[in-house]
Structures are given as structure tokens and as C-alpha cells.
Amino acid sequence: MRNDKIIPGVVLILIGAIFLLHNYGVIHFHWGNIFHLWPIFIVIGGVNLIFANNRTGWAMVIKLGVIILGFALIVFGNFGRHTFFPAYVYSDDDDDDHGKSMITKVSGNSEFNTPFEANAKVVTLNIEGGATSYHLSDTTDQLFSASTREFGGRYEYSHSNEDSLYTLNFKMRGHHGFNLDFDSEKEKGKDSTKTNSATLRLNQKPEWNINLNTGAAEVNFDLSKFKVRSLKIDGGAAEFNVKMGQPLENTNVRVETGMSDVTISVPTTAACHIKSSTGLSSTSYDGFTKVSDNNYETPGFSTAKNKMFIKIDGGLADFKVKRY
């Protein structure tokens, strides 16, 4: 290969790899870094011109080193976001008729809470962000509460309501770097304080719509104690373990993932239907009967009063639906 083709090829490969890994949630970077650090591209171009006619090995090492260093700064740098008060920011809009509020926590440990109100009948919980270990199993007298540990990122929480309809938004923002192997870190005895984690608790009285949009994350949700109207999972390279309870009249579960490991457990007494479109994924639906192409049901589904509908879409993933 001619030397003058190597540098443009490396640049294109790095750009493509960055976008691909970002889309799958493996890495997260500030798009604003491109605007803050655009002179890096001038430096890369200048170094490449200086050594354009130099065919020695050390010249190639210098050119590749400048490119890799420049892209590393763009992807993992945290520039243009300096603050003298990094711990948290709280804002409350008292003029809003529906009482919107937001809390942002940047580092350390924190608690997020929303008091329960008797008129809270239906609650939508939106969870967003990767590089986090999410856990949910316990109940609370609050409407919602969360205990978090932050390392290299920040959690944002906001809530609003219109009459009996409540919306809660819980997000991880600004994580740099990546961490796919949560379990192996625990097994190797590494410092667990360097892993972002969030332990969530919900009130049992309302009906819940839960939307999960994560990148590289570990999700362990035991929802068997709660009234779940809908659950939507949208993830990249993540691990999801979800235990569902008895369905309402109609409970809908939607799973759309890339390279994820998804396990959903449903009660043996629950009437459940699976519609599966999984491409090259591995699937296992224990206790279900195939009724047509890509459709599976538990015995007695058609005559049941309360039903759970699970729709699964994925690429190179591992999907399991088990009965307990």
C-alpha cells in the first residue's frame, strides 16, 4: 500500500468506528468537543504535510500518533463544561402550573425523591443513559426514589404532572469512556465505587409505563410487585434481566436491542403472547407454544381475561423468555 493512502484510510476508519461505537452506546462523547477542538484537524493536516515526502518508519509513527492523540481528545475530552460548583444543580419552576422541577447530580452519592400524591394514577418513567448499573425491586412510600453513585458522569432527574398523569425522567449524562463488563469487575475485586449505579424504588399504587433507553448498561428489574401497563426496552450492548408480575387487562412489553442479552421472566399463571422478529439472534421461549411463524403463546391465552403481549425485535442478540 502507498504511504499516502494510509493516513486518509486511518482517519476514515477512526471516524466510522467512533460513530458505530457511539450509536451502540459503547462510548459516549460530547458532540460539542468537535467545536471546541476543531483546530486538531489543522494540526493533523499540518503534520501530514510536513512529513508528506518522508517515507521513514519514524515519520509514519509521528503522523499516526498525532491522529490517535487528536481523536482521543475529541472522544474522551471534557472541555467547555467547567464549573466552580460541580456537585449538583437544582432548579424549580414555581410558575409552572404543573410543578415541573429538575435536579442534576454530577458526582458522588445522592438521593432523588418525588412525594406520592393520591391523584397519581398513571406514571410514565423514562430512564435514559448507558455506562450504568440499574437496579429496581423495592417499593417506597414516595412516588419514586433513587439512590445513585456517580463516577465519570452525572444523573439528571425531573418530574411533571397533568392531573393524575405523571411523567418522571431519570437520565445519565456526560459519561466518558466505556465499561461493558460489570460482572467481571466484581469478580476481580476491583473498586466498585468506580461504577455508575442507580437503585430505583417505585410506589405500588399507580399503574406504570416504563421506558428504558440505554447504551452499555446492566439492568436488573424485578417488577413483580408493581402494576405495569407497558415496558419498553431500547438498548445497545447491554444486559437486561426483567421479572414481570401478573398482567393488567393489557400489559405490553416491547424490546428493541442490538447486541444485548435479554431475559424476561413471566409468571406461569400469566397469559402471554410473543411476537418475535429477531434476525440472527438466539431465542429461547420456555413454556410457550408456537402458533404461527414468529408467534408464540402460553396455554389458554385466547380465553384469558388479562393478557401480556411481548414484541421482540433485535439483531445479534440473545433473547430468553422464561416462566417462573
C-alpha atoms as a PDB file:
ATOM      1  CA  MET A   1       0.000   0.000   0.000  1.00  0.00           C
ATOM      2  CA  ARG A   2       1.265   3.506  -0.826  1.00  0.00           C
ATOM      3  CA  ASN A   3       2.093   5.571   2.253  1.00  0.00           C
ATOM      4  CA  ASP A   4      -0.014   8.494   1.048  1.00  0.00           C
ATOM      5  CA  LYS A   5      -3.120   6.288   1.291  1.00  0.00           C
ATOM      6  CA  ILE A   6      -2.541   5.107   4.855  1.00  0.00           C
ATOM      7  CA  ILE A   7      -3.302   8.348   6.713  1.00  0.00           C
ATOM      8  CA  PRO A   8      -6.663   9.104   4.988  1.00  0.00           C
ATOM      9  CA  GLY A   9      -7.631   5.458   5.484  1.00  0.00           C
ATOM     10  CA  VAL A  10      -6.824   5.572   9.206  1.00  0.00           C
ATOM     11  CA  VAL A  11      -8.831   8.788   9.606  1.00  0.00           C
ATOM     12  CA  LEU A  12     -11.877   7.274   7.870  1.00  0.00           C
ATOM     13  CA  ILE A  13     -11.630   4.081   9.934  1.00  0.00           C
ATOM     14  CA  LEU A  14     -11.451   6.056  13.202  1.00  0.00           C
ATOM     15  CA  ILE A  15     -14.413   8.257  12.267  1.00  0.00           C
ATOM     16  CA  GLY A  16     -16.508   5.232  11.309  1.00  0.00           C
ATOM     17  CA  ALA A  17     -15.533   3.314  14.447  1.00  0.00           C
ATOM     18  CA  ILE A  18     -16.376   6.281  16.697  1.00  0.00           C
ATOM     19  CA  PHE A  19     -19.848   6.733  15.198  1.00  0.00           C
ATOM     20  CA  LEU A  20     -20.536   2.983  15.300  1.00  0.00           C
ATOM     21  CA  LEU A  21     -19.475   2.593  18.941  1.00  0.00           C
ATOM     22  CA  HIS A  22     -21.367   5.731  19.944  1.00  0.00           C
ATOM     23  CA  ASN A  23     -24.574   4.514  18.265  1.00  0.00           C
ATOM     24  CA  TYR A  24     -24.341   1.234  20.178  1.00  0.00           C
ATOM     25  CA  GLY A  25     -23.657   3.049  23.443  1.00  0.00           C
ATOM     26  CA  VAL A  26     -20.196   1.562  23.907  1.00  0.00           C
ATOM     27  CA  ILE A  27     -18.596   5.009  24.116  1.00  0.00           C
ATOM     28  CA  HIS A  28     -20.128   8.382  24.907  1.00  0.00           C
ATOM     29  CA  PHE A  29     -18.640  11.729  23.993  1.00  0.00           C
ATOM     30  CA  HIS A  30     -19.623  15.381  23.909  1.00  0.00           C
ATOM     31  CA  TRP A  31     -20.512  16.460  20.380  1.00  0.00           C
ATOM     32  CA  GLY A  32     -19.517  19.969  21.461  1.00  0.00           C
ATOM     33  CA  ASN A  33     -15.899  18.779  21.638  1.00  0.00           C
ATOM     34  CA  ILE A  34     -15.789  18.938  17.834  1.00  0.00           C
ATOM     35  CA  PHE A  35     -16.459  22.676  18.002  1.00  0.00           C
ATOM     36  CA  HIS A  36     -14.034  23.283  20.871  1.00  0.00           C
ATOM     37  CA  LEU A  37     -11.245  21.129  19.432  1.00  0.00           C
ATOM     38  CA  TRP A  38     -11.600  21.653  15.661  1.00  0.00           C
ATOM     39  CA  PRO A  39      -8.017  23.069  15.415  1.00  0.00           C
ATOM     40  CA  ILE A  40      -6.825  19.497  15.999  1.00  0.00           C
ATOM     41  CA  PHE A  41      -7.723  18.744  12.383  1.00  0.00           C
ATOM     42  CA  ILE A  42      -5.463  21.617  11.271  1.00  0.00           C
ATOM     43  CA  VAL A  43      -2.635  20.156  13.369  1.00  0.00           C
ATOM     44  CA  ILE A  44      -3.198  16.702  11.857  1.00  0.00           C
ATOM     45  CA  GLY A  45      -3.196  18.170   8.348  1.00  0.00           C
ATOM     46  CA  GLY A  46      -0.066  20.208   9.032  1.00  0.00           C
ATOM     47  CA  VAL A  47       1.904  17.247  10.427  1.00  0.00           C
ATOM     48  CA  ASN A  48       0.827  15.154   7.455  1.00  0.00           C
ATOM     49  CA  LEU A  49       2.071  17.842   5.022  1.00  0.00           C
ATOM     50  CA  ILE A  50       5.418  18.232   6.823  1.00  0.00           C
ATOM     51  CA  PHE A  51       6.146  14.526   6.553  1.00  0.00           C
ATOM     52  CA  ALA A  52       4.417  14.002   3.199  1.00  0.00           C
ATOM     53  CA  ASN A  53       7.666  13.125   1.408  1.00  0.00           C
ATOM     54  CA  ASN A  54       9.266  11.333   4.324  1.00  0.00           C
ATOM     55  CA  ARG A  55       8.897   7.568   3.863  1.00  0.00           C
ATOM     56  CA  THR A  56      10.735   6.526   7.010  1.00  0.00           C
ATOM     57  CA  GLY A  57       9.112   4.493   9.728  1.00  0.00           C
ATOM     58  CA  TRP A  58       9.520   7.112  12.434  1.00  0.00           C
ATOM     59  CA  ALA A  59       7.718   9.706  10.294  1.00  0.00           C
ATOM     60  CA  MET A  60       4.757   7.355   9.921  1.00  0.00           C
ATOM     61  CA  VAL A  61       4.746   6.758  13.696  1.00  0.00           C
ATOM     62  CA  ILE A  62       4.607  10.518  14.331  1.00  0.00           C
ATOM     63  CA  LYS A  63       1.726  11.019  11.885  1.00  0.00           C
ATOM     64  CA  LEU A  64      -0.302   8.131  13.308  1.00  0.00           C
ATOM     65  CA  GLY A  65       0.464   9.210  16.873  1.00  0.00           C
ATOM     66  CA  VAL A  66      -0.838  12.738  16.263  1.00  0.00           C
ATOM     67  CA  ILE A  67      -4.023  11.358  14.672  1.00  0.00           C
ATOM     68  CA  ILE A  68      -4.713   8.917  17.512  1.00  0.00           C
ATOM     69  CA  LEU A  69      -3.987  11.539  20.179  1.00  0.00           C
ATOM     70  CA  GLY A  70      -6.231  14.060  18.433  1.00  0.00           C
ATOM     71  CA  PHE A  71      -9.157  11.688  18.142  1.00  0.00           C
ATOM     72  CA  ALA A  72      -8.686  10.569  21.762  1.00  0.00           C
ATOM     73  CA  LEU A  73      -9.013  14.183  22.922  1.00  0.00           C
ATOM     74  CA  ILE A  74     -12.176  14.666  20.838  1.00  0.00           C
ATOM     75  CA  VAL A  75     -13.828  11.467  22.050  1.00  0.00           C
ATOM     76  CA  PHE A  76     -12.833  11.415  25.721  1.00  0.00           C
ATOM     77  CA  GLY A  77     -12.092  15.070  26.461  1.00  0.00           C
ATOM     78  CA  ASN A  78     -14.305  17.127  28.765  1.00  0.00           C
ATOM     79  CA  PHE A  79     -13.774  20.696  27.603  1.00  0.00           C
ATOM     80  CA  GLY A  80     -16.016  23.715  27.641  1.00  0.00           C
ATOM     81  CA  ARG A  81     -18.066  22.383  30.568  1.00  0.00           C
ATOM     82  CA  HIS A  82     -16.126  23.796  33.510  1.00  0.00           C
ATOM     83  CA  THR A  83     -17.981  24.809  36.643  1.00  0.00           C
ATOM     84  CA  PHE A  84     -16.965  26.041  40.092  1.00  0.00           C
ATOM     85  CA  PHE A  85     -19.810  24.039  41.693  1.00  0.00           C
ATOM     86  CA  PRO A  86     -19.607  20.500  40.229  1.00  0.00           C
ATOM     87  CA  ALA A  87     -21.638  18.666  42.847  1.00  0.00           C
ATOM     88  CA  TYR A  88     -25.197  19.389  41.749  1.00  0.00           C
ATOM     89  CA  VAL A  89     -27.602  21.927  40.306  1.00  0.00           C
ATOM     90  CA  TYR A  90     -31.217  22.259  41.421  1.00  0.00           C
ATOM     91  CA  SER A  91     -33.902  24.208  39.617  1.00  0.00           C
ATOM     92  CA  ASP A  92     -37.585  24.527  40.420  1.00  0.00           C
ATOM     93  CA  ASP A  93     -40.056  26.399  38.259  1.00  0.00           C
ATOM     94  CA  ASP A  94     -42.651  27.751  40.677  1.00  0.00           C
ATOM     95  CA  ASP A  95     -44.520  29.481  37.869  1.00  0.00           C
ATOM     96  CA  ASP A  96     -45.386  26.212  36.171  1.00  0.00           C
ATOM     97  CA  ASP A  97     -48.973  25.170  36.866  1.00  0.00           C
ATOM     98  CA  HIS A  98     -47.953  21.542  36.871  1.00  0.00           C
ATOM     99  CA  GLY A  99     -44.924  21.920  39.150  1.00  0.00           C
ATOM    100  CA  LYS A 100     -42.066  20.866  36.890  1.00  0.00           C
ATOM    101  CA  SER A 101     -38.712  20.505  38.619  1.00  0.00           C
ATOM    102  CA  MET A 102     -35.261  19.145  37.844  1.00  0.00           C
ATOM    103  CA  ILE A 103     -32.263  18.039  39.889  1.00  0.00           C
ATOM    104  CA  THR A 104     -28.831  17.354  38.396  1.00  0.00           C
ATOM    105  CA  LYS A 105     -26.190  15.409  40.326  1.00  0.00           C
ATOM    106  CA  VAL A 106     -22.669  15.426  38.928  1.00  0.00           C
ATOM    107  CA  SER A 107     -20.508  13.286  41.201  1.00  0.00           C
ATOM    108  CA  GLY A 108     -20.535  11.307  44.436  1.00  0.00           C
ATOM    109  CA  ASN A 109     -23.648   9.750  46.022  1.00  0.00           C
ATOM    110  CA  SER A 110     -27.126  11.239  46.010  1.00  0.00           C
ATOM    111  CA  GLU A 111     -30.828  10.641  46.578  1.00  0.00           C
ATOM    112  CA  PHE A 112     -33.704  11.616  44.289  1.00  0.00           C
ATOM    113  CA  ASN A 113     -37.295  11.620  45.525  1.00  0.00           C
ATOM    114  CA  THR A 114     -40.765  12.627  44.410  1.00  0.00           C
ATOM    115  CA  PRO A 115     -43.503  12.533  47.099  1.00  0.00           C
ATOM    116  CA  PHE A 116     -46.538  10.388  46.430  1.00  0.00           C
ATOM    117  CA  GLU A 117     -49.826  12.178  45.860  1.00  0.00           C
ATOM    118  CA  ALA A 118     -53.181  10.435  45.968  1.00  0.00           C
ATOM    119  CA  ASN A 119     -54.146  11.655  42.495  1.00  0.00           C
ATOM    120  CA  ALA A 120     -51.176   9.871  40.863  1.00  0.00           C
ATOM    121  CA  LYS A 121     -52.962   7.171  38.888  1.00  0.00           C
ATOM    122  CA  VAL A 122     -50.728   6.606  35.851  1.00  0.00           C
ATOM    123  CA  VAL A 123     -46.979   7.289  35.868  1.00  0.00           C
ATOM    124  CA  THR A 124     -44.554   7.229  32.945  1.00  0.00           C
ATOM    125  CA  LEU A 125     -40.948   6.633  33.966  1.00  0.00           C
ATOM    126  CA  ASN A 126     -38.317   7.401  31.309  1.00  0.00           C
ATOM    127  CA  ILE A 127     -34.833   6.044  32.029  1.00  0.00           C
ATOM    128  CA  GLU A 128     -32.017   7.021  29.693  1.00  0.00           C
ATOM    129  CA  GLY A 129     -28.257   6.588  29.606  1.00  0.00           C
ATOM    130  CA  GLY A 130     -25.604   3.917  29.448  1.00  0.00           C
ATOM    131  CA  ALA A 131     -22.446   3.081  31.405  1.00  0.00           C
ATOM    132  CA  THR A 132     -24.661   2.418  34.430  1.00  0.00           C
ATOM    133  CA  SER A 133     -25.885  -0.478  36.520  1.00  0.00           C
ATOM    134  CA  TYR A 134     -29.638  -0.070  37.134  1.00  0.00           C
ATOM    135  CA  HIS A 135     -31.476  -1.998  39.853  1.00  0.00           C
ATOM    136  CA  LEU A 136     -35.176  -1.926  40.738  1.00  0.00           C
ATOM    137  CA  SER A 137     -37.019  -4.251  43.086  1.00  0.00           C
ATOM    138  CA  ASP A 138     -38.047  -2.427  46.256  1.00  0.00           C
ATOM    139  CA  THR A 139     -41.147  -0.375  46.952  1.00  0.00           C
ATOM    140  CA  THR A 140     -41.341   3.081  48.518  1.00  0.00           C
ATOM    141  CA  ASP A 141     -43.926   5.325  50.164  1.00  0.00           C
ATOM    142  CA  GLN A 142     -42.682   8.051  47.821  1.00  0.00           C
ATOM    143  CA  LEU A 143     -43.908   8.070  44.248  1.00  0.00           C
ATOM    144  CA  PHE A 144     -40.326   7.486  43.104  1.00  0.00           C
ATOM    145  CA  SER A 145     -36.943   7.390  44.796  1.00  0.00           C
ATOM    146  CA  ALA A 146     -33.421   6.613  43.625  1.00  0.00           C
ATOM    147  CA  SER A 147     -30.062   6.152  45.292  1.00  0.00           C
ATOM    148  CA  THR A 148     -27.152   6.757  42.944  1.00  0.00           C
ATOM    149  CA  ARG A 149     -23.387   6.532  42.805  1.00  0.00           C
ATOM    150  CA  GLU A 150     -21.674   8.584  40.116  1.00  0.00           C
ATOM    151  CA  PHE A 151     -18.233   8.142  38.655  1.00  0.00           C
ATOM    152  CA  GLY A 152     -17.329   9.990  35.455  1.00  0.00           C
ATOM    153  CA  GLY A 153     -20.907  11.069  34.729  1.00  0.00           C
ATOM    154  CA  ARG A 154     -23.942  12.774  36.184  1.00  0.00           C
ATOM    155  CA  TYR A 155     -27.586  11.894  36.780  1.00  0.00           C
ATOM    156  CA  GLU A 156     -30.425  14.248  35.954  1.00  0.00           C
ATOM    157  CA  TYR A 157     -33.933  13.856  37.330  1.00  0.00           C
ATOM    158  CA  SER A 158     -37.064  15.826  36.511  1.00  0.00           C
ATOM    159  CA  HIS A 159     -40.795  15.303  37.010  1.00  0.00           C
ATOM    160  CA  SER A 160     -44.055  16.901  35.982  1.00  0.00           C
ATOM    161  CA  ASN A 161     -47.739  16.078  36.065  1.00  0.00           C
ATOM    162  CA  GLU A 162     -51.039  16.921  34.456  1.00  0.00           C
ATOM    163  CA  ASP A 163     -53.844  15.966  36.800  1.00  0.00           C
ATOM    164  CA  SER A 164     -53.441  12.231  37.501  1.00  0.00           C
ATOM    165  CA  LEU A 165     -50.824  11.631  34.772  1.00  0.00           C
ATOM    166  CA  TYR A 166     -47.239  11.912  35.987  1.00  0.00           C
ATOM    167  CA  THR A 167     -44.008  11.887  33.966  1.00  0.00           C
ATOM    168  CA  LEU A 168     -40.625  11.145  35.561  1.00  0.00           C
ATOM    169  CA  ASN A 169     -37.320  11.481  33.677  1.00  0.00           C
ATOM    170  CA  PHE A 170     -34.148   9.887  35.026  1.00  0.00           C
ATOM    171  CA  LYS A 171     -31.033  10.248  32.874  1.00  0.00           C
ATOM    172  CA  MET A 172     -27.300   9.591  32.959  1.00  0.00           C
ATOM    173  CA  ARG A 173     -25.399  12.364  31.208  1.00  0.00           C
ATOM    174  CA  GLY A 174     -21.800  13.099  30.324  1.00  0.00           C
ATOM    175  CA  HIS A 175     -20.114   9.716  30.856  1.00  0.00           C
ATOM    176  CA  HIS A 176     -16.676   9.428  29.268  1.00  0.00           C
ATOM    177  CA  GLY A 177     -15.106   6.129  28.356  1.00  0.00           C
ATOM    178  CA  PHE A 178     -16.799   2.764  28.448  1.00  0.00           C
ATOM    179  CA  ASN A 179     -17.402  -0.227  30.649  1.00  0.00           C
ATOM    180  CA  LEU A 180     -19.107  -3.316  29.311  1.00  0.00           C
ATOM    181  CA  ASP A 181     -18.092  -5.975  31.824  1.00  0.00           C
ATOM    182  CA  PHE A 182     -19.902  -5.152  35.058  1.00  0.00           C
ATOM    183  CA  ASP A 183     -19.834  -8.679  36.445  1.00  0.00           C
ATOM    184  CA  SER A 184     -16.185  -9.362  35.751  1.00  0.00           C
ATOM    185  CA  GLU A 185     -15.164  -6.238  37.660  1.00  0.00           C
ATOM    186  CA  LYS A 186     -16.972  -7.504  40.728  1.00  0.00           C
ATOM    187  CA  GLU A 187     -15.433 -10.944  40.361  1.00  0.00           C
ATOM    188  CA  LYS A 188     -11.951  -9.494  40.034  1.00  0.00           C
ATOM    189  CA  GLY A 189     -12.421  -7.439  43.201  1.00  0.00           C
ATOM    190  CA  LYS A 190     -11.969  -4.071  41.551  1.00  0.00           C
ATOM    191  CA  ASP A 191     -13.077  -0.857  43.212  1.00  0.00           C
ATOM    192  CA  SER A 192     -16.875  -0.920  42.844  1.00  0.00           C
ATOM    193  CA  THR A 193     -17.048   2.798  43.627  1.00  0.00           C
ATOM    194  CA  LYS A 194     -15.824   3.433  40.092  1.00  0.00           C
ATOM    195  CA  THR A 195     -19.030   2.113  38.536  1.00  0.00           C
ATOM    196  CA  ASN A 196     -22.067   4.315  37.977  1.00  0.00           C
ATOM    197  CA  SER A 197     -25.085   2.723  39.612  1.00  0.00           C
ATOM    198  CA  ALA A 198     -28.683   3.621  40.349  1.00  0.00           C
ATOM    199  CA  THR A 199     -31.029   1.768  42.715  1.00  0.00           C
ATOM    200  CA  LEU A 200     -34.628   2.727  41.972  1.00  0.00           C
ATOM    201  CA  ARG A 201     -37.784   2.266  44.055  1.00  0.00           C
ATOM    202  CA  LEU A 202     -41.411   2.706  42.962  1.00  0.00           C
ATOM    203  CA  ASN A 203     -44.755   3.150  44.662  1.00  0.00           C
ATOM    204  CA  GLN A 204     -47.117   0.194  44.235  1.00  0.00           C
ATOM    205  CA  LYS A 205     -50.357   2.151  43.883  1.00  0.00           C
ATOM    206  CA  PRO A 206     -50.135   3.749  40.402  1.00  0.00           C
ATOM    207  CA  GLU A 207     -50.032   1.973  37.061  1.00  0.00           C
ATOM    208  CA  TRP A 208     -46.613   2.308  35.451  1.00  0.00           C
ATOM    209  CA  ASN A 209     -45.340   2.883  31.926  1.00  0.00           C
ATOM    210  CA  ILE A 210     -41.573   2.270  31.974  1.00  0.00           C
ATOM    211  CA  ASN A 211     -39.314   3.244  29.062  1.00  0.00           C
ATOM    212  CA  LEU A 212     -35.654   2.152  29.108  1.00  0.00           C
ATOM    213  CA  ASN A 213     -33.231   3.646  26.607  1.00  0.00           C
ATOM    214  CA  THR A 214     -29.686   2.581  27.446  1.00  0.00           C
ATOM    215  CA  GLY A 215     -26.361   2.008  25.779  1.00  0.00           C
ATOM    216  CA  ALA A 216     -23.819  -0.176  27.544  1.00  0.00           C
ATOM    217  CA  ALA A 217     -25.651  -0.953  30.777  1.00  0.00           C
ATOM    218  CA  GLU A 218     -26.676  -3.650  33.205  1.00  0.00           C
ATOM    219  CA  VAL A 219     -30.378  -3.669  34.085  1.00  0.00           C
ATOM    220  CA  ASN A 220     -31.895  -5.842  36.819  1.00  0.00           C
ATOM    221  CA  PHE A 221     -35.592  -5.046  37.313  1.00  0.00           C
ATOM    222  CA  ASP A 222     -37.979  -7.052  39.473  1.00  0.00           C
ATOM    223  CA  LEU A 223     -41.365  -5.583  38.509  1.00  0.00           C
ATOM    224  CA  SER A 224     -43.445  -8.377  40.003  1.00  0.00           C
ATOM    225  CA  LYS A 225     -44.721  -6.116  42.832  1.00  0.00           C
ATOM    226  CA  PHE A 226     -45.956  -3.346  40.536  1.00  0.00           C
ATOM    227  CA  LYS A 227     -48.844  -2.702  38.182  1.00  0.00           C
ATOM    228  CA  VAL A 228     -47.104  -2.389  34.833  1.00  0.00           C
ATOM    229  CA  ARG A 229     -49.109  -1.146  31.873  1.00  0.00           C
ATOM    230  CA  SER A 230     -46.164  -1.095  29.486  1.00  0.00           C
ATOM    231  CA  LEU A 231     -42.434  -1.720  29.409  1.00  0.00           C
ATOM    232  CA  LYS A 232     -40.238  -0.623  26.508  1.00  0.00           C
ATOM    233  CA  ILE A 233     -36.589  -1.651  26.293  1.00  0.00           C
ATOM    234  CA  ASP A 234     -34.306   0.021  23.756  1.00  0.00           C
ATOM    235  CA  GLY A 235     -30.672  -0.867  24.268  1.00  0.00           C
ATOM    236  CA  GLY A 236     -27.281  -1.316  22.687  1.00  0.00           C
ATOM    237  CA  ALA A 237     -24.607  -3.611  24.078  1.00  0.00           C
ATOM    238  CA  ALA A 238     -26.424  -4.218  27.360  1.00  0.00           C
ATOM    239  CA  GLU A 239     -27.663  -6.931  29.700  1.00  0.00           C
ATOM    240  CA  PHE A 240     -31.338  -6.864  30.708  1.00  0.00           C
ATOM    241  CA  ASN A 241     -32.897  -9.111  33.345  1.00  0.00           C
ATOM    242  CA  VAL A 242     -36.559  -8.281  33.931  1.00  0.00           C
ATOM    243  CA  LYS A 243     -39.078 -10.117  36.097  1.00  0.00           C
ATOM    244  CA  MET A 244     -42.688  -9.263  35.302  1.00  0.00           C
ATOM    245  CA  GLY A 245     -45.715  -9.729  37.562  1.00  0.00           C
ATOM    246  CA  GLN A 246     -49.303 -10.543  36.697  1.00  0.00           C
ATOM    247  CA  PRO A 247     -50.526  -8.546  33.688  1.00  0.00           C
ATOM    248  CA  LEU A 248     -53.217  -5.916  33.824  1.00  0.00           C
ATOM    249  CA  GLU A 249     -56.084  -6.242  31.342  1.00  0.00           C
ATOM    250  CA  ASN A 250     -53.431  -5.498  28.707  1.00  0.00           C
ATOM    251  CA  THR A 251     -49.739  -5.292  29.539  1.00  0.00           C
ATOM    252  CA  ASN A 252     -47.398  -4.552  26.637  1.00  0.00           C
ATOM    253  CA  VAL A 253     -43.674  -5.311  26.599  1.00  0.00           C
ATOM    254  CA  ARG A 254     -41.585  -4.066  23.657  1.00  0.00           C
ATOM    255  CA  VAL A 255     -37.923  -4.999  23.238  1.00  0.00           C
ATOM    256  CA  GLU A 256     -35.679  -3.448  20.575  1.00  0.00           C
ATOM    257  CA  THR A 257     -31.964  -4.102  21.004  1.00  0.00           C
ATOM    258  CA  GLY A 258     -28.735  -4.581  19.129  1.00  0.00           C
ATOM    259  CA  MET A 259     -26.053  -6.764  20.690  1.00  0.00           C
ATOM    260  CA  SER A 260     -27.776  -7.397  24.016  1.00  0.00           C
ATOM    261  CA  ASP A 261     -28.538 -10.244  26.384  1.00  0.00           C
ATOM    262  CA  VAL A 262     -32.236 -10.041  27.330  1.00  0.00           C
ATOM    263  CA  THR A 263     -34.032 -12.303  29.805  1.00  0.00           C
ATOM    264  CA  ILE A 264     -37.702 -11.716  30.643  1.00  0.00           C
ATOM    265  CA  SER A 265     -39.415 -13.821  33.306  1.00  0.00           C
ATOM    266  CA  VAL A 266     -43.221 -14.077  33.467  1.00  0.00           C
ATOM    267  CA  PRO A 267     -45.454 -15.922  35.974  1.00  0.00           C
ATOM    268  CA  THR A 268     -46.573 -19.417  34.999  1.00  0.00           C
ATOM    269  CA  THR A 269     -50.184 -18.298  35.562  1.00  0.00           C
ATOM    270  CA  ALA A 270     -49.897 -15.287  33.219  1.00  0.00           C
ATOM    271  CA  ALA A 271     -51.420 -15.461  29.749  1.00  0.00           C
ATOM    272  CA  CYS A 272     -48.681 -14.308  27.413  1.00  0.00           C
ATOM    273  CA  HIS A 273     -48.164 -13.853  23.665  1.00  0.00           C
ATOM    274  CA  ILE A 274     -44.754 -13.345  21.988  1.00  0.00           C
ATOM    275  CA  LYS A 275     -44.245 -11.850  18.559  1.00  0.00           C
ATOM    276  CA  SER A 276     -40.621 -12.309  17.578  1.00  0.00           C
ATOM    277  CA  SER A 277     -38.589 -10.707  14.792  1.00  0.00           C
ATOM    278  CA  THR A 278     -35.036 -11.426  15.775  1.00  0.00           C
ATOM    279  CA  GLY A 279     -32.892 -11.797  12.641  1.00  0.00           C
ATOM    280  CA  LEU A 280     -29.686 -13.621  13.562  1.00  0.00           C
ATOM    281  CA  SER A 281     -30.401 -13.581  17.285  1.00  0.00           C
ATOM    282  CA  SER A 282     -30.573 -16.577  19.589  1.00  0.00           C
ATOM    283  CA  THR A 283     -34.003 -17.161  21.151  1.00  0.00           C
ATOM    284  CA  SER A 284     -35.438 -19.381  23.865  1.00  0.00           C
ATOM    285  CA  TYR A 285     -39.128 -19.247  24.858  1.00  0.00           C
ATOM    286  CA  ASP A 286     -39.607 -21.884  27.556  1.00  0.00           C
ATOM    287  CA  GLY A 287     -43.212 -22.918  28.201  1.00  0.00           C
ATOM    288  CA  PHE A 288     -44.561 -21.279  25.041  1.00  0.00           C
ATOM    289  CA  THR A 289     -46.227 -22.966  22.087  1.00  0.00           C
ATOM    290  CA  LYS A 290     -45.553 -21.815  18.536  1.00  0.00           C
ATOM    291  CA  VAL A 291     -48.905 -20.860  16.969  1.00  0.00           C
ATOM    292  CA  SER A 292     -47.586 -19.415  13.671  1.00  0.00           C
ATOM    293  CA  ASP A 293     -44.413 -18.002  12.189  1.00  0.00           C
ATOM    294  CA  ASN A 294     -42.720 -15.819  14.817  1.00  0.00           C
ATOM    295  CA  ASN A 295     -45.732 -16.058  17.181  1.00  0.00           C
ATOM    296  CA  TYR A 296     -45.809 -17.971  20.470  1.00  0.00           C
ATOM    297  CA  GLU A 297     -48.414 -18.289  23.245  1.00  0.00           C
ATOM    298  CA  THR A 298     -48.898 -19.801  26.669  1.00  0.00           C
ATOM    299  CA  PRO A 299     -51.686 -22.379  27.055  1.00  0.00           C
ATOM    300  CA  GLY A 300     -55.164 -20.808  27.389  1.00  0.00           C
ATOM    301  CA  PHE A 301     -54.070 -17.416  26.147  1.00  0.00           C
ATOM    302  CA  SER A 302     -57.089 -16.795  23.910  1.00  0.00           C
ATOM    303  CA  THR A 303     -59.616 -17.193  26.753  1.00  0.00           C
ATOM    304  CA  ALA A 304     -57.709 -15.294  29.447  1.00  0.00           C
ATOM    305  CA  LYS A 305     -59.087 -12.006  30.765  1.00  0.00           C
ATOM    306  CA  ASN A 306     -55.737 -10.338  31.478  1.00  0.00           C
ATOM    307  CA  LYS A 307     -53.004 -10.707  28.878  1.00  0.00           C
ATOM    308  CA  MET A 308     -49.370  -9.809  28.365  1.00  0.00           C
ATOM    309  CA  PHE A 309     -48.103  -9.038  24.867  1.00  0.00           C
ATOM    310  CA  ILE A 310     -44.347  -9.219  24.266  1.00  0.00           C
ATOM    311  CA  LYS A 311     -42.869  -7.954  20.999  1.00  0.00           C
ATOM    312  CA  ILE A 312     -39.182  -8.607  20.380  1.00  0.00           C
ATOM    313  CA  ASP A 313     -37.024  -7.079  17.646  1.00  0.00           C
ATOM    314  CA  GLY A 314     -33.273  -7.440  17.525  1.00  0.00           C
ATOM    315  CA  GLY A 315     -30.129  -8.117  15.576  1.00  0.00           C
ATOM    316  CA  LEU A 316     -27.261 -10.122  17.043  1.00  0.00           C
ATOM    317  CA  ALA A 317     -28.774 -10.582  20.487  1.00  0.00           C
ATOM    318  CA  ASP A 318     -29.702 -13.345  22.920  1.00  0.00           C
ATOM    319  CA  PHE A 319     -33.390 -13.327  23.900  1.00  0.00           C
ATOM    320  CA  LYS A 320     -34.941 -15.529  26.558  1.00  0.00           C
ATOM    321  CA  VAL A 321     -38.499 -15.538  27.917  1.00  0.00           C
ATOM    322  CA  LYS A 322     -38.928 -17.838  30.914  1.00  0.00           C
ATOM    323  CA  ARG A 323     -41.847 -18.740  33.177  1.00  0.00           C
ATOM    324  CA  TYR A 324     -41.482 -18.861  36.944  1.00  0.00           C
END
